[in-house]
Amino acid sequence: MVHVDPNKVNSVKNWKTLESPTEIRSFLGLAGYYRRFIENLSKIAKPLTLLTQKNKTYVWGDKTKNVIYTDHKSLQYIFDQKELNMRQWRWIKLLNDYECIIKYHPGKANTLGTRLDMSTAYHPQTDGQSERTIQTLGDMLRACVMDFRGNWDTHLLLVDFSYNNSYHKSIKCAPFEALYGHKCRSPVIWAEVDESQLIGLEIVQETTEKIMQIKERLKMTRDNQKSYADKRRKPLESNVGDRMLLKVSP
């Protein structure tokens, strides 16, 4: 059975009756340190807070005694915790607003050969699909800050223009060309559109060809990625009587 070491909570249990607004402020400061672990602390401590206000008569009644008792009861759970590192504190802050039960599932109990890797959202290693994009954009922004320094934010449009018109190996063209069907003209050599531009069926045909090319190139890229993944994938073997998870479409 797990219980609190009496020697560690004696000073809290034997707390003397508060006799002045200064002592109340001191106690509220201690209780506020554990506000994340005490539900509705501001409402519970309201009678004590009123006693610290100016032009208020100091009257110690049943309501204030109940506040002290409630705080003591809540603080007992704090001493059950061991010392936490910064990573554990982050999870406590994240889960503090939710009612949940955390259960540990050891990896050796995973008999299906599946694994789910979790990482922080918006982190460069969130997933393979966005990892390269985030890394590229980070390098471009870093170079922009180093070159333009104080007014780097005014040049973000140039960074956006540069990325959208850079060659992407997966689709064999720039994102702008994939979206609009033609290459974007640089603002440095911007010129009027002449009469030789594509119209009618010609632009439909060229756009269709671009879409087919992009689909083929994306398929080739996915096939290459699949071949790399298949080298590490293990075949799933099951026997009669084994329990399996059935995926049901919503």
C-alpha atoms as a PDB file:
ATOM      1  CA  MET A   1       0.000   0.000   0.000  1.00  0.00           C
ATOM      2  CA  VAL A   2       1.337   3.429  -0.987  1.00  0.00           C
ATOM      3  CA  HIS A   3       0.976   6.271   1.527  1.00  0.00           C
ATOM      4  CA  VAL A   4       2.515   9.617   2.333  1.00  0.00           C
ATOM      5  CA  ASP A   5       5.533   9.795   4.629  1.00  0.00           C
ATOM      6  CA  PRO A   6       4.168  11.536   7.792  1.00  0.00           C
ATOM      7  CA  ASN A   7       7.468  13.322   8.374  1.00  0.00           C
ATOM      8  CA  LYS A   8       7.077  15.149   5.060  1.00  0.00           C
ATOM      9  CA  VAL A   9       3.547  16.444   5.665  1.00  0.00           C
ATOM     10  CA  ASN A  10       3.627  17.167   9.401  1.00  0.00           C
ATOM     11  CA  SER A  11       4.364  20.851   8.841  1.00  0.00           C
ATOM     12  CA  VAL A  12       1.328  21.120   6.579  1.00  0.00           C
ATOM     13  CA  LYS A  13      -1.019  19.135   8.810  1.00  0.00           C
ATOM     14  CA  ASN A  14       0.001  21.079  11.916  1.00  0.00           C
ATOM     15  CA  TRP A  15      -0.239  24.486  10.250  1.00  0.00           C
ATOM     16  CA  LYS A  16      -1.169  27.090  12.845  1.00  0.00           C
ATOM     17  CA  THR A  17      -4.272  29.235  12.477  1.00  0.00           C
ATOM     18  CA  LEU A  18      -3.552  32.276  10.342  1.00  0.00           C
ATOM     19  CA  GLU A  19      -3.707  35.431  12.439  1.00  0.00           C
ATOM     20  CA  SER A  20      -3.019  38.285  10.012  1.00  0.00           C
ATOM     21  CA  PRO A  21      -3.423  39.250   6.326  1.00  0.00           C
ATOM     22  CA  THR A  22       0.347  38.858   5.901  1.00  0.00           C
ATOM     23  CA  GLU A  23       0.206  35.202   6.987  1.00  0.00           C
ATOM     24  CA  ILE A  24      -2.772  34.638   4.672  1.00  0.00           C
ATOM     25  CA  ARG A  25      -0.825  36.053   1.718  1.00  0.00           C
ATOM     26  CA  SER A  26       2.066  33.746   2.593  1.00  0.00           C
ATOM     27  CA  PHE A  27      -0.224  30.721   2.686  1.00  0.00           C
ATOM     28  CA  LEU A  28      -1.979  31.670  -0.571  1.00  0.00           C
ATOM     29  CA  GLY A  29       1.430  31.999  -2.201  1.00  0.00           C
ATOM     30  CA  LEU A  30       2.273  28.427  -1.183  1.00  0.00           C
ATOM     31  CA  ALA A  31      -1.108  27.110  -2.325  1.00  0.00           C
ATOM     32  CA  GLY A  32      -0.800  28.986  -5.625  1.00  0.00           C
ATOM     33  CA  TYR A  33       2.433  27.121  -6.334  1.00  0.00           C
ATOM     34  CA  TYR A  34       0.330  23.931  -6.637  1.00  0.00           C
ATOM     35  CA  ARG A  35      -2.628  25.549  -8.427  1.00  0.00           C
ATOM     36  CA  ARG A  36      -2.364  23.119 -11.349  1.00  0.00           C
ATOM     37  CA  PHE A  37      -3.118  20.220  -9.008  1.00  0.00           C
ATOM     38  CA  ILE A  38      -6.000  21.879  -7.130  1.00  0.00           C
ATOM     39  CA  GLU A  39      -9.282  22.127  -8.995  1.00  0.00           C
ATOM     40  CA  ASN A  40     -11.079  25.501  -8.720  1.00  0.00           C
ATOM     41  CA  LEU A  41      -8.406  26.913  -6.428  1.00  0.00           C
ATOM     42  CA  SER A  42      -9.533  30.516  -6.968  1.00  0.00           C
ATOM     43  CA  LYS A  43     -13.084  29.695  -5.830  1.00  0.00           C
ATOM     44  CA  ILE A  44     -11.879  27.674  -2.845  1.00  0.00           C
ATOM     45  CA  ALA A  45      -9.509  30.405  -1.667  1.00  0.00           C
ATOM     46  CA  LYS A  46     -11.949  33.290  -2.233  1.00  0.00           C
ATOM     47  CA  PRO A  47     -12.829  33.690   1.506  1.00  0.00           C
ATOM     48  CA  LEU A  48      -9.126  33.950   2.311  1.00  0.00           C
ATOM     49  CA  THR A  49      -8.498  36.382  -0.532  1.00  0.00           C
ATOM     50  CA  LEU A  50     -11.223  38.683   0.780  1.00  0.00           C
ATOM     51  CA  LEU A  51      -9.461  38.848   4.149  1.00  0.00           C
ATOM     52  CA  THR A  52      -6.335  40.284   2.490  1.00  0.00           C
ATOM     53  CA  GLN A  53      -8.176  43.272   1.023  1.00  0.00           C
ATOM     54  CA  LYS A  54      -7.893  46.716   2.551  1.00  0.00           C
ATOM     55  CA  ASN A  55     -10.662  48.073   4.795  1.00  0.00           C
ATOM     56  CA  LYS A  56     -11.812  44.510   5.519  1.00  0.00           C
ATOM     57  CA  THR A  57     -12.388  43.340   9.082  1.00  0.00           C
ATOM     58  CA  TYR A  58     -10.290  40.272   9.895  1.00  0.00           C
ATOM     59  CA  VAL A  59     -12.857  37.657  10.963  1.00  0.00           C
ATOM     60  CA  TRP A  60     -11.805  33.996  11.087  1.00  0.00           C
ATOM     61  CA  GLY A  61     -14.922  31.882  10.531  1.00  0.00           C
ATOM     62  CA  ASP A  62     -16.046  28.435   9.409  1.00  0.00           C
ATOM     63  CA  LYS A  63     -15.674  29.278   5.704  1.00  0.00           C
ATOM     64  CA  THR A  64     -12.004  30.150   6.047  1.00  0.00           C
ATOM     65  CA  LYS A  65     -11.326  27.033   8.130  1.00  0.00           C
ATOM     66  CA  ASN A  66     -12.935  24.897   5.430  1.00  0.00           C
ATOM     67  CA  VAL A  67     -10.672  26.482   2.840  1.00  0.00           C
ATOM     68  CA  ILE A  68      -7.555  25.524   4.766  1.00  0.00           C
ATOM     69  CA  TYR A  69      -8.780  21.967   5.224  1.00  0.00           C
ATOM     70  CA  THR A  70      -9.590  21.577   1.539  1.00  0.00           C
ATOM     71  CA  ASP A  71      -6.177  22.856   0.490  1.00  0.00           C
ATOM     72  CA  HIS A  72      -4.442  20.448   2.840  1.00  0.00           C
ATOM     73  CA  LYS A  73      -6.370  17.525   1.454  1.00  0.00           C
ATOM     74  CA  SER A  74      -5.442  18.444  -2.107  1.00  0.00           C
ATOM     75  CA  LEU A  75      -1.793  19.065  -1.283  1.00  0.00           C
ATOM     76  CA  GLN A  76      -1.396  15.558   0.078  1.00  0.00           C
ATOM     77  CA  TYR A  77      -1.444  14.168  -3.463  1.00  0.00           C
ATOM     78  CA  ILE A  78       1.473  16.358  -4.450  1.00  0.00           C
ATOM     79  CA  PHE A  79       3.811  14.600  -2.067  1.00  0.00           C
ATOM     80  CA  ASP A  80       3.030  11.260  -3.663  1.00  0.00           C
ATOM     81  CA  GLN A  81       4.825  12.475  -6.793  1.00  0.00           C
ATOM     82  CA  LYS A  82       8.516  11.864  -7.309  1.00  0.00           C
ATOM     83  CA  GLU A  83      10.796  14.536  -8.712  1.00  0.00           C
ATOM     84  CA  LEU A  84       9.849  15.202 -12.335  1.00  0.00           C
ATOM     85  CA  ASN A  85      12.052  16.276 -15.196  1.00  0.00           C
ATOM     86  CA  MET A  86      11.097  18.983 -17.713  1.00  0.00           C
ATOM     87  CA  ARG A  87       9.693  16.480 -20.195  1.00  0.00           C
ATOM     88  CA  GLN A  88       7.380  14.969 -17.585  1.00  0.00           C
ATOM     89  CA  TRP A  89       6.259  18.429 -16.463  1.00  0.00           C
ATOM     90  CA  ARG A  90       5.281  19.183 -20.058  1.00  0.00           C
ATOM     91  CA  TRP A  91       3.021  16.141 -20.167  1.00  0.00           C
ATOM     92  CA  ILE A  92       1.451  17.061 -16.812  1.00  0.00           C
ATOM     93  CA  LYS A  93       0.597  20.513 -18.152  1.00  0.00           C
ATOM     94  CA  LEU A  94      -0.806  18.990 -21.331  1.00  0.00           C
ATOM     95  CA  LEU A  95      -2.978  16.362 -19.617  1.00  0.00           C
ATOM     96  CA  ASN A  96      -4.041  18.566 -16.721  1.00  0.00           C
ATOM     97  CA  ASP A  97      -7.257  19.637 -18.492  1.00  0.00           C
ATOM     98  CA  TYR A  98      -8.342  16.092 -19.395  1.00  0.00           C
ATOM     99  CA  GLU A  99      -9.752  13.166 -17.473  1.00  0.00           C
ATOM    100  CA  CYS A 100      -7.853  10.139 -18.714  1.00  0.00           C
ATOM    101  CA  ILE A 101      -6.145   6.958 -17.576  1.00  0.00           C
ATOM    102  CA  ILE A 102      -2.677   6.168 -18.929  1.00  0.00           C
ATOM    103  CA  LYS A 103      -1.826   2.495 -19.311  1.00  0.00           C
ATOM    104  CA  TYR A 104       1.558   1.165 -20.360  1.00  0.00           C
ATOM    105  CA  HIS A 105       1.569  -1.326 -23.217  1.00  0.00           C
ATOM    106  CA  PRO A 106       4.997  -2.998 -23.481  1.00  0.00           C
ATOM    107  CA  GLY A 107       6.445  -3.547 -26.908  1.00  0.00           C
ATOM    108  CA  LYS A 108       6.911  -7.273 -26.320  1.00  0.00           C
ATOM    109  CA  ALA A 109       3.113  -7.605 -26.067  1.00  0.00           C
ATOM    110  CA  ASN A 110       2.771  -6.396 -29.652  1.00  0.00           C
ATOM    111  CA  THR A 111       2.187  -9.659 -31.532  1.00  0.00           C
ATOM    112  CA  LEU A 112       0.884  -8.114 -34.764  1.00  0.00           C
ATOM    113  CA  GLY A 113       4.186  -6.542 -35.786  1.00  0.00           C
ATOM    114  CA  THR A 114       2.700  -3.044 -35.962  1.00  0.00           C
ATOM    115  CA  ARG A 115       4.159   0.047 -34.380  1.00  0.00           C
ATOM    116  CA  LEU A 116       2.989   3.644 -34.054  1.00  0.00           C
ATOM    117  CA  ASP A 117       5.674   6.275 -33.668  1.00  0.00           C
ATOM    118  CA  MET A 118       4.577   9.492 -31.982  1.00  0.00           C
ATOM    119  CA  SER A 119       6.337  12.843 -32.076  1.00  0.00           C
ATOM    120  CA  THR A 120       5.551  16.445 -31.283  1.00  0.00           C
ATOM    121  CA  ALA A 121       3.319  18.270 -33.742  1.00  0.00           C
ATOM    122  CA  TYR A 122       4.994  20.807 -36.073  1.00  0.00           C
ATOM    123  CA  HIS A 123       8.363  19.246 -35.330  1.00  0.00           C
ATOM    124  CA  PRO A 124      10.691  18.604 -38.305  1.00  0.00           C
ATOM    125  CA  GLN A 125      10.526  14.854 -37.587  1.00  0.00           C
ATOM    126  CA  THR A 126       6.711  14.713 -37.414  1.00  0.00           C
ATOM    127  CA  ASP A 127       6.414  12.509 -40.510  1.00  0.00           C
ATOM    128  CA  GLY A 128       8.441  11.670 -43.575  1.00  0.00           C
ATOM    129  CA  GLN A 129       6.134  13.494 -45.951  1.00  0.00           C
ATOM    130  CA  SER A 130       6.497  16.924 -44.365  1.00  0.00           C
ATOM    131  CA  GLU A 131      10.007  16.489 -42.942  1.00  0.00           C
ATOM    132  CA  ARG A 132      11.788  17.466 -46.156  1.00  0.00           C
ATOM    133  CA  THR A 133       9.462  20.414 -46.812  1.00  0.00           C
ATOM    134  CA  ILE A 134       9.885  21.801 -43.291  1.00  0.00           C
ATOM    135  CA  GLN A 135      13.649  21.394 -43.477  1.00  0.00           C
ATOM    136  CA  THR A 136      13.822  23.188 -46.843  1.00  0.00           C
ATOM    137  CA  LEU A 137      11.637  26.071 -45.684  1.00  0.00           C
ATOM    138  CA  GLY A 138      13.667  26.361 -42.489  1.00  0.00           C
ATOM    139  CA  ASP A 139      16.904  26.655 -44.475  1.00  0.00           C
ATOM    140  CA  MET A 140      15.382  29.288 -46.773  1.00  0.00           C
ATOM    141  CA  LEU A 141      14.070  31.365 -43.866  1.00  0.00           C
ATOM    142  CA  ARG A 142      17.406  31.095 -42.069  1.00  0.00           C
ATOM    143  CA  ALA A 143      19.221  32.383 -45.153  1.00  0.00           C
ATOM    144  CA  CYS A 144      16.674  35.200 -45.507  1.00  0.00           C
ATOM    145  CA  VAL A 145      17.244  36.339 -41.922  1.00  0.00           C
ATOM    146  CA  MET A 146      21.030  36.236 -42.317  1.00  0.00           C
ATOM    147  CA  ASP A 147      20.977  38.246 -45.568  1.00  0.00           C
ATOM    148  CA  PHE A 148      18.324  40.867 -44.792  1.00  0.00           C
ATOM    149  CA  ARG A 149      18.544  40.905 -40.967  1.00  0.00           C
ATOM    150  CA  GLY A 150      16.306  43.662 -39.557  1.00  0.00           C
ATOM    151  CA  ASN A 151      13.815  43.766 -42.431  1.00  0.00           C
ATOM    152  CA  TRP A 152      13.821  40.082 -43.321  1.00  0.00           C
ATOM    153  CA  ASP A 153      10.044  39.802 -42.910  1.00  0.00           C
ATOM    154  CA  THR A 154       9.478  42.177 -45.839  1.00  0.00           C
ATOM    155  CA  HIS A 155      11.207  39.679 -48.147  1.00  0.00           C
ATOM    156  CA  LEU A 156       9.033  36.664 -47.308  1.00  0.00           C
ATOM    157  CA  LEU A 157       7.205  37.056 -50.624  1.00  0.00           C
ATOM    158  CA  LEU A 158      10.500  36.417 -52.407  1.00  0.00           C
ATOM    159  CA  VAL A 159      11.014  33.256 -50.352  1.00  0.00           C
ATOM    160  CA  ASP A 160       7.508  32.098 -51.265  1.00  0.00           C
ATOM    161  CA  PHE A 161       8.126  32.884 -54.938  1.00  0.00           C
ATOM    162  CA  SER A 162      11.456  31.053 -54.898  1.00  0.00           C
ATOM    163  CA  TYR A 163      10.022  27.900 -53.310  1.00  0.00           C
ATOM    164  CA  ASN A 164       6.961  27.715 -55.580  1.00  0.00           C
ATOM    165  CA  ASN A 165       9.155  28.025 -58.665  1.00  0.00           C
ATOM    166  CA  SER A 166      11.935  25.651 -57.626  1.00  0.00           C
ATOM    167  CA  TYR A 167      12.307  22.255 -59.274  1.00  0.00           C
ATOM    168  CA  HIS A 168      10.813  19.329 -57.343  1.00  0.00           C
ATOM    169  CA  LYS A 169      12.275  15.952 -58.113  1.00  0.00           C
ATOM    170  CA  SER A 170       9.109  14.024 -57.249  1.00  0.00           C
ATOM    171  CA  ILE A 171       6.934  15.790 -59.864  1.00  0.00           C
ATOM    172  CA  LYS A 172       9.804  16.741 -62.231  1.00  0.00           C
ATOM    173  CA  CYS A 173       8.690  20.386 -62.294  1.00  0.00           C
ATOM    174  CA  ALA A 174       7.958  23.387 -60.077  1.00  0.00           C
ATOM    175  CA  PRO A 175       4.784  23.554 -57.921  1.00  0.00           C
ATOM    176  CA  PHE A 176       3.634  26.650 -59.841  1.00  0.00           C
ATOM    177  CA  GLU A 177       3.932  24.828 -63.170  1.00  0.00           C
ATOM    178  CA  ALA A 178       2.107  21.802 -61.757  1.00  0.00           C
ATOM    179  CA  LEU A 179      -0.754  24.000 -60.535  1.00  0.00           C
ATOM    180  CA  TYR A 180      -1.210  26.373 -63.487  1.00  0.00           C
ATOM    181  CA  GLY A 181       0.194  24.326 -66.364  1.00  0.00           C
ATOM    182  CA  HIS A 182       2.909  26.797 -67.369  1.00  0.00           C
ATOM    183  CA  LYS A 183       6.089  28.239 -65.944  1.00  0.00           C
ATOM    184  CA  CYS A 184       5.923  31.436 -63.940  1.00  0.00           C
ATOM    185  CA  ARG A 185       7.647  34.520 -65.276  1.00  0.00           C
ATOM    186  CA  SER A 186      10.131  36.227 -63.015  1.00  0.00           C
ATOM    187  CA  PRO A 187       9.021  39.668 -61.784  1.00  0.00           C
ATOM    188  CA  VAL A 188      12.407  41.012 -62.916  1.00  0.00           C
ATOM    189  CA  ILE A 189      11.648  40.298 -66.591  1.00  0.00           C
ATOM    190  CA  TRP A 190       7.874  40.579 -66.427  1.00  0.00           C
ATOM    191  CA  ALA A 191       6.410  41.227 -69.884  1.00  0.00           C
ATOM    192  CA  GLU A 192       2.992  41.608 -71.420  1.00  0.00           C
ATOM    193  CA  VAL A 193       1.243  38.474 -72.583  1.00  0.00           C
ATOM    194  CA  ASP A 194       1.273  38.353 -76.364  1.00  0.00           C
ATOM    195  CA  GLU A 195      -1.286  36.813 -78.705  1.00  0.00           C
ATOM    196  CA  SER A 196       0.624  33.546 -78.956  1.00  0.00           C
ATOM    197  CA  GLN A 197      -0.764  32.285 -75.658  1.00  0.00           C
ATOM    198  CA  LEU A 198      -2.683  29.017 -75.677  1.00  0.00           C
ATOM    199  CA  ILE A 199      -6.445  29.221 -75.977  1.00  0.00           C
ATOM    200  CA  GLY A 200      -9.369  26.820 -76.176  1.00  0.00           C
ATOM    201  CA  LEU A 201      -8.619  23.160 -76.835  1.00  0.00           C
ATOM    202  CA  GLU A 202      -4.866  23.733 -76.891  1.00  0.00           C
ATOM    203  CA  ILE A 203      -4.665  24.787 -73.258  1.00  0.00           C
ATOM    204  CA  VAL A 204      -6.999  21.936 -72.249  1.00  0.00           C
ATOM    205  CA  GLN A 205      -4.799  19.416 -74.051  1.00  0.00           C
ATOM    206  CA  GLU A 206      -1.561  20.772 -72.579  1.00  0.00           C
ATOM    207  CA  THR A 207      -3.053  20.889 -69.079  1.00  0.00           C
ATOM    208  CA  THR A 208      -4.232  17.281 -69.418  1.00  0.00           C
ATOM    209  CA  GLU A 209      -0.770  16.194 -70.529  1.00  0.00           C
ATOM    210  CA  LYS A 210       0.796  17.993 -67.559  1.00  0.00           C
ATOM    211  CA  ILE A 211      -1.576  16.239 -65.168  1.00  0.00           C
ATOM    212  CA  MET A 212      -0.771  12.833 -66.669  1.00  0.00           C
ATOM    213  CA  GLN A 213       2.961  13.505 -66.411  1.00  0.00           C
ATOM    214  CA  ILE A 214       2.673  14.576 -62.784  1.00  0.00           C
ATOM    215  CA  LYS A 215       0.608  11.470 -61.925  1.00  0.00           C
ATOM    216  CA  GLU A 216       3.181   9.195 -63.558  1.00  0.00           C
ATOM    217  CA  ARG A 217       6.070  10.891 -61.764  1.00  0.00           C
ATOM    218  CA  LEU A 218       4.304  10.726 -58.410  1.00  0.00           C
ATOM    219  CA  LYS A 219       3.558   7.040 -59.003  1.00  0.00           C
ATOM    220  CA  MET A 220       7.235   6.390 -59.726  1.00  0.00           C
ATOM    221  CA  THR A 221       8.193   8.181 -56.524  1.00  0.00           C
ATOM    222  CA  ARG A 222       5.662   6.194 -54.476  1.00  0.00           C
ATOM    223  CA  ASP A 223       6.865   2.937 -56.035  1.00  0.00           C
ATOM    224  CA  ASN A 224      10.436   3.758 -55.055  1.00  0.00           C
ATOM    225  CA  GLN A 225       9.372   4.581 -51.508  1.00  0.00           C
ATOM    226  CA  LYS A 226       7.350   1.362 -51.348  1.00  0.00           C
ATOM    227  CA  SER A 227      10.323  -0.700 -52.475  1.00  0.00           C
ATOM    228  CA  TYR A 228      12.427   0.793 -49.670  1.00  0.00           C
ATOM    229  CA  ALA A 229       9.678   0.094 -47.114  1.00  0.00           C
ATOM    230  CA  ASP A 230       9.138  -3.487 -48.321  1.00  0.00           C
ATOM    231  CA  LYS A 231      12.761  -4.325 -47.599  1.00  0.00           C
ATOM    232  CA  ARG A 232      12.135  -3.727 -43.877  1.00  0.00           C
ATOM    233  CA  ARG A 233       8.596  -5.108 -43.726  1.00  0.00           C
ATOM    234  CA  LYS A 234       8.150  -8.550 -42.205  1.00  0.00           C
ATOM    235  CA  PRO A 235       5.416 -10.887 -43.466  1.00  0.00           C
ATOM    236  CA  LEU A 236       2.541 -11.307 -41.013  1.00  0.00           C
ATOM    237  CA  GLU A 237       1.923 -14.924 -40.093  1.00  0.00           C
ATOM    238  CA  SER A 238      -1.149 -16.104 -38.202  1.00  0.00           C
ATOM    239  CA  ASN A 239      -2.390 -19.470 -37.030  1.00  0.00           C
ATOM    240  CA  VAL A 240      -5.834 -20.882 -36.415  1.00  0.00           C
ATOM    241  CA  GLY A 241      -7.196 -19.571 -33.126  1.00  0.00           C
ATOM    242  CA  ASP A 242      -5.095 -16.394 -33.056  1.00  0.00           C
ATOM    243  CA  ARG A 243      -6.922 -13.205 -32.157  1.00  0.00           C
ATOM    244  CA  MET A 244      -6.821 -10.523 -34.825  1.00  0.00           C
ATOM    245  CA  LEU A 245      -7.906  -6.894 -35.030  1.00  0.00           C
ATOM    246  CA  LEU A 246     -10.562  -6.238 -37.684  1.00  0.00           C
ATOM    247  CA  LYS A 247     -10.590  -2.779 -39.255  1.00  0.00           C
ATOM    248  CA  VAL A 248     -14.160  -1.674 -39.912  1.00  0.00           C
ATOM    249  CA  SER A 249     -14.848   1.261 -42.217  1.00  0.00           C
ATOM    250  CA  PRO A 250     -16.901   4.058 -40.597  1.00  0.00           C
END
